[in-house]
Amino acid sequence: MLALSDDEQETICRRSQRPMPATPSLLQSWAAGYGGRMRSNLRGWVMSTVDFIEQSLGFAHRALADARNGSDEQLHFVPPGGSHSIAWCLWHTARIEDLIINVRALDKAALWDEEWARRTGLPAEGFGTGQSDDEARQIHVDDMEALAGYQALVWDATQRFLGSATDADLEREVPARAGTETVGQGISLHMLGHFNGHRGEINTLRGMQGMPTVLAKEGTH
């Protein structure tokens, strides 16, 4: 078990904004597990790659959840000459995350299936990549609450994976469209950067309709 001083244990709890466990034995166990990924130093603290991903995805997920707020018309608005709606972005990002985490990183079946397609009114196959503009404009979420349920399951699978992953796990090679890539590369490219790109697209679509940016209540967008 990783040995941490009392000062290091207190520092980690304070800076991670997590409560101090009640008993010494629980404290040692908690600090060892969390401290293995974040250690204090003279400059403050050092964040592991996994912790950085968790924090960054937490922000992206909150933004995507907030983006569900709006009427059916607002969520499916496509500007003249455009192709994507907010609803399209919500479906697409959830399907991509399902693919990257469940199929590639965990080597399991995707959570998406014909039942989710039936409940949401969305295509059973595909996830938006490579669609023509006309095909993208035809995407309609019949039940946004059902899509939110699917998003929650996907995000939970990601959190469980990251909760036990180490930085070394991110270096494992997995299949990709152009050969292979590491798990970390897949998450960085197809999730972190990709999702924030669609967050900007969502904010543009909301702004065109006089809606506030996502996460405006947090003072950020």
Protein backbone atom coordinates (compact mmCIF):
# COMPACT_ATOMS: atom_id res chain seq x y z
CA MET A 1 0.00 0.00 0.00
CA LEU A 2 1.25 3.50 -0.79
CA ALA A 3 2.41 5.23 2.39
CA LEU A 4 1.28 8.84 2.73
CA SER A 5 2.06 11.23 5.55
CA ASP A 6 -0.75 12.80 7.55
CA ASP A 7 -0.09 16.12 5.81
CA GLU A 8 -0.28 14.50 2.37
CA GLN A 9 -3.56 12.74 3.25
CA GLU A 10 -5.11 16.01 4.43
CA THR A 11 -3.81 17.88 1.38
CA ILE A 12 -5.27 15.33 -1.06
CA CYS A 13 -8.67 15.38 0.64
CA ARG A 14 -8.75 19.18 0.71
CA ARG A 15 -7.64 19.75 -2.89
CA SER A 16 -9.86 17.03 -4.35
CA GLN A 17 -12.83 18.48 -2.42
CA ARG A 18 -13.62 15.03 -1.07
CA PRO A 19 -14.57 14.45 2.60
CA MET A 20 -12.02 12.96 4.96
CA PRO A 21 -12.99 9.34 5.86
CA ALA A 22 -14.07 8.92 9.46
CA THR A 23 -11.65 6.27 10.73
CA PRO A 24 -7.85 5.97 10.45
CA SER A 25 -8.06 2.63 8.63
CA LEU A 26 -10.49 3.97 6.05
CA LEU A 27 -8.40 7.11 5.71
CA GLN A 28 -5.24 5.13 4.95
CA SER A 29 -7.06 2.97 2.41
CA TRP A 30 -8.75 5.93 0.73
CA ALA A 31 -5.63 8.08 0.66
CA ALA A 32 -3.53 5.24 -0.71
CA GLY A 33 -5.96 4.56 -3.55
CA TYR A 34 -6.55 8.17 -4.48
CA GLY A 35 -3.06 9.32 -3.59
CA GLY A 36 -1.63 6.84 -6.08
CA ARG A 37 -3.09 9.05 -8.79
CA MET A 38 -2.68 12.49 -7.23
CA ARG A 39 0.31 13.36 -5.04
CA SER A 40 1.08 16.68 -3.44
CA ASN A 41 4.38 18.40 -4.10
CA LEU A 42 5.99 21.75 -3.40
CA ARG A 43 4.04 23.42 -6.23
CA GLY A 44 0.63 22.15 -5.13
CA TRP A 45 -0.35 18.79 -6.61
CA VAL A 46 0.26 16.53 -9.57
CA MET A 47 -2.74 15.17 -11.47
CA SER A 48 -2.57 11.83 -13.26
CA THR A 49 -3.75 11.44 -16.84
CA VAL A 50 -6.74 9.39 -15.66
CA ASP A 51 -7.78 12.10 -13.20
CA PHE A 52 -7.45 14.75 -15.91
CA ILE A 53 -9.69 12.69 -18.21
CA GLU A 54 -12.26 12.21 -15.45
CA GLN A 55 -12.46 15.93 -14.72
CA SER A 56 -12.56 16.90 -18.40
CA LEU A 57 -15.25 14.34 -19.26
CA GLY A 58 -17.25 15.41 -16.23
CA PHE A 59 -17.38 18.91 -17.68
CA ALA A 60 -18.33 17.62 -21.15
CA HIS A 61 -21.05 15.36 -19.73
CA ARG A 62 -22.56 18.19 -17.68
CA ALA A 63 -22.63 20.34 -20.81
CA LEU A 64 -24.31 17.61 -22.86
CA ALA A 65 -26.88 17.03 -20.12
CA ASP A 66 -27.64 20.76 -19.96
CA ALA A 67 -28.00 20.82 -23.74
CA ARG A 68 -31.12 18.65 -23.44
CA ASN A 69 -32.99 21.64 -22.02
CA GLY A 70 -35.25 23.06 -24.69
CA SER A 71 -38.39 22.37 -26.67
CA ASP A 72 -38.58 19.69 -29.33
CA GLU A 73 -38.45 22.42 -31.95
CA GLN A 74 -35.39 24.03 -30.40
CA LEU A 75 -33.53 20.74 -30.02
CA HIS A 76 -34.17 19.80 -33.65
CA PHE A 77 -33.52 23.23 -35.17
CA VAL A 78 -31.16 23.13 -38.16
CA PRO A 79 -30.13 26.48 -39.65
CA PRO A 80 -30.38 27.09 -43.40
CA GLY A 81 -27.54 25.29 -45.11
CA GLY A 82 -26.74 23.35 -41.93
CA SER A 83 -26.96 19.65 -41.15
CA HIS A 84 -26.72 19.07 -37.40
CA SER A 85 -29.27 19.78 -34.71
CA ILE A 86 -28.64 19.78 -30.98
CA ALA A 87 -30.51 16.47 -30.83
CA TRP A 88 -28.16 15.04 -33.47
CA CYS A 89 -25.14 16.09 -31.38
CA LEU A 90 -26.57 14.44 -28.26
CA TRP A 91 -27.22 11.15 -30.08
CA HIS A 92 -23.91 11.19 -31.91
CA THR A 93 -21.71 11.90 -28.88
CA ALA A 94 -23.37 9.20 -26.77
CA ARG A 95 -22.99 6.62 -29.54
CA ILE A 96 -19.32 7.54 -30.03
CA GLU A 97 -18.58 7.21 -26.30
CA ASP A 98 -20.35 3.83 -26.24
CA LEU A 99 -18.11 2.69 -29.09
CA ILE A 100 -14.84 4.01 -27.64
CA ILE A 101 -15.36 2.75 -24.08
CA ASN A 102 -17.51 -0.36 -24.29
CA VAL A 103 -16.50 -1.75 -27.67
CA ARG A 104 -12.85 -0.70 -27.94
CA ALA A 105 -11.55 -0.15 -24.41
CA LEU A 106 -13.58 -2.90 -22.68
CA ASP A 107 -13.98 -5.25 -25.68
CA LYS A 108 -17.70 -5.67 -24.95
CA ALA A 109 -20.89 -5.24 -26.92
CA ALA A 110 -22.19 -1.71 -27.29
CA LEU A 111 -25.01 -0.71 -24.97
CA TRP A 112 -26.95 0.61 -27.97
CA ASP A 113 -29.28 -1.97 -29.47
CA GLU A 114 -32.58 -2.24 -31.35
CA GLU A 115 -34.54 -1.65 -28.15
CA TRP A 116 -32.82 1.71 -27.55
CA ALA A 117 -33.39 2.55 -31.21
CA ARG A 118 -37.09 1.74 -30.84
CA ARG A 119 -37.47 3.76 -27.64
CA THR A 120 -35.73 6.84 -29.03
CA GLY A 121 -36.85 6.65 -32.66
CA LEU A 122 -33.22 6.71 -33.81
CA PRO A 123 -31.39 4.44 -36.28
CA ALA A 124 -30.41 1.03 -34.95
CA GLU A 125 -27.20 1.12 -37.00
CA GLY A 126 -24.64 3.87 -37.36
CA PHE A 127 -23.74 6.81 -35.15
CA GLY A 128 -23.76 9.82 -37.47
CA THR A 129 -20.20 9.68 -38.79
CA GLY A 130 -20.19 9.82 -42.58
CA GLN A 131 -23.82 10.86 -42.89
CA SER A 132 -24.82 13.21 -45.67
CA ASP A 133 -26.27 16.58 -44.68
CA ASP A 134 -29.73 15.39 -45.67
CA GLU A 135 -29.41 12.21 -43.60
CA ALA A 136 -28.26 14.21 -40.58
CA ARG A 137 -31.17 16.62 -40.92
CA GLN A 138 -33.58 13.68 -40.78
CA ILE A 139 -32.39 12.54 -37.35
CA HIS A 140 -35.18 13.03 -34.81
CA VAL A 141 -35.25 11.99 -31.16
CA ASP A 142 -38.80 10.89 -30.42
CA ASP A 143 -38.22 10.50 -26.68
CA MET A 144 -35.54 12.74 -25.16
CA GLU A 145 -35.94 11.14 -21.73
CA ALA A 146 -35.13 7.77 -23.26
CA LEU A 147 -32.02 9.20 -24.88
CA ALA A 148 -31.05 10.71 -21.52
CA GLY A 149 -31.35 7.23 -20.02
CA TYR A 150 -29.00 5.84 -22.64
CA GLN A 151 -26.55 8.69 -22.08
CA ALA A 152 -26.56 7.98 -18.34
CA LEU A 153 -25.73 4.30 -18.89
CA VAL A 154 -22.88 5.16 -21.25
CA TRP A 155 -21.45 7.78 -18.90
CA ASP A 156 -21.70 5.34 -15.98
CA ALA A 157 -19.77 2.71 -17.96
CA THR A 158 -17.08 5.29 -18.66
CA GLN A 159 -16.87 6.28 -15.00
CA ARG A 160 -16.53 2.64 -13.92
CA PHE A 161 -13.76 2.09 -16.44
CA LEU A 162 -11.84 5.20 -15.40
CA GLY A 163 -12.43 4.45 -11.72
CA SER A 164 -10.18 1.41 -11.93
CA ALA A 165 -7.91 2.44 -14.82
CA THR A 166 -4.28 3.45 -14.46
CA ASP A 167 -2.19 5.57 -16.78
CA ALA A 168 -0.63 2.33 -18.02
CA ASP A 169 -4.08 1.06 -19.07
CA LEU A 170 -4.37 4.06 -21.36
CA GLU A 171 -1.33 2.86 -23.34
CA ARG A 172 -3.00 -0.37 -24.47
CA GLU A 173 -3.44 -0.61 -28.25
CA VAL A 174 -7.00 -1.14 -29.51
CA PRO A 175 -8.52 -1.37 -33.01
CA ALA A 176 -9.31 1.90 -34.77
CA ARG A 177 -10.62 2.89 -38.17
CA ALA A 178 -7.09 3.47 -39.46
CA GLY A 179 -5.35 0.51 -37.81
CA THR A 180 -4.80 0.84 -34.06
CA GLU A 181 -4.52 3.54 -31.44
CA THR A 182 -4.05 3.55 -27.69
CA VAL A 183 -7.03 3.75 -25.37
CA GLY A 184 -5.79 7.18 -24.26
CA GLN A 185 -5.50 8.41 -27.83
CA GLY A 186 -9.04 7.23 -28.56
CA ILE A 187 -10.43 9.04 -25.52
CA SER A 188 -8.42 12.21 -26.20
CA LEU A 189 -9.30 12.44 -29.89
CA HIS A 190 -12.78 10.92 -30.16
CA MET A 191 -14.19 12.02 -26.81
CA LEU A 192 -12.45 14.99 -25.12
CA GLY A 193 -11.61 17.07 -28.18
CA HIS A 194 -14.53 15.80 -30.23
CA PHE A 195 -17.20 16.44 -27.60
CA ASN A 196 -16.00 19.95 -26.87
CA GLY A 197 -16.17 20.66 -30.59
CA HIS A 198 -19.82 19.64 -30.58
CA ARG A 199 -20.34 21.67 -27.38
CA GLY A 200 -19.32 24.73 -29.40
CA GLU A 201 -21.69 23.68 -32.17
CA ILE A 202 -24.50 23.27 -29.63
CA ASN A 203 -23.83 26.74 -28.19
CA THR A 204 -23.96 28.20 -31.70
CA LEU A 205 -27.31 26.51 -32.37
CA ARG A 206 -28.65 27.72 -29.04
CA GLY A 207 -27.41 31.26 -29.64
CA MET A 208 -29.09 31.38 -33.03
CA GLN A 209 -32.38 30.69 -31.24
CA GLY A 210 -31.86 33.18 -28.43
CA MET A 211 -31.08 30.48 -25.89
CA PRO A 212 -28.35 30.74 -23.24
CA THR A 213 -25.15 28.76 -23.60
CA VAL A 214 -24.92 25.42 -21.85
CA LEU A 215 -23.59 25.56 -18.30
CA ALA A 216 -24.33 29.27 -18.07
CA LYS A 217 -25.40 28.58 -14.47
CA GLU A 218 -21.84 27.47 -13.72
CA GLY A 219 -20.45 30.69 -15.11
CA THR A 220 -18.81 28.89 -18.02
CA HIS A 221 -19.68 27.72 -21.51
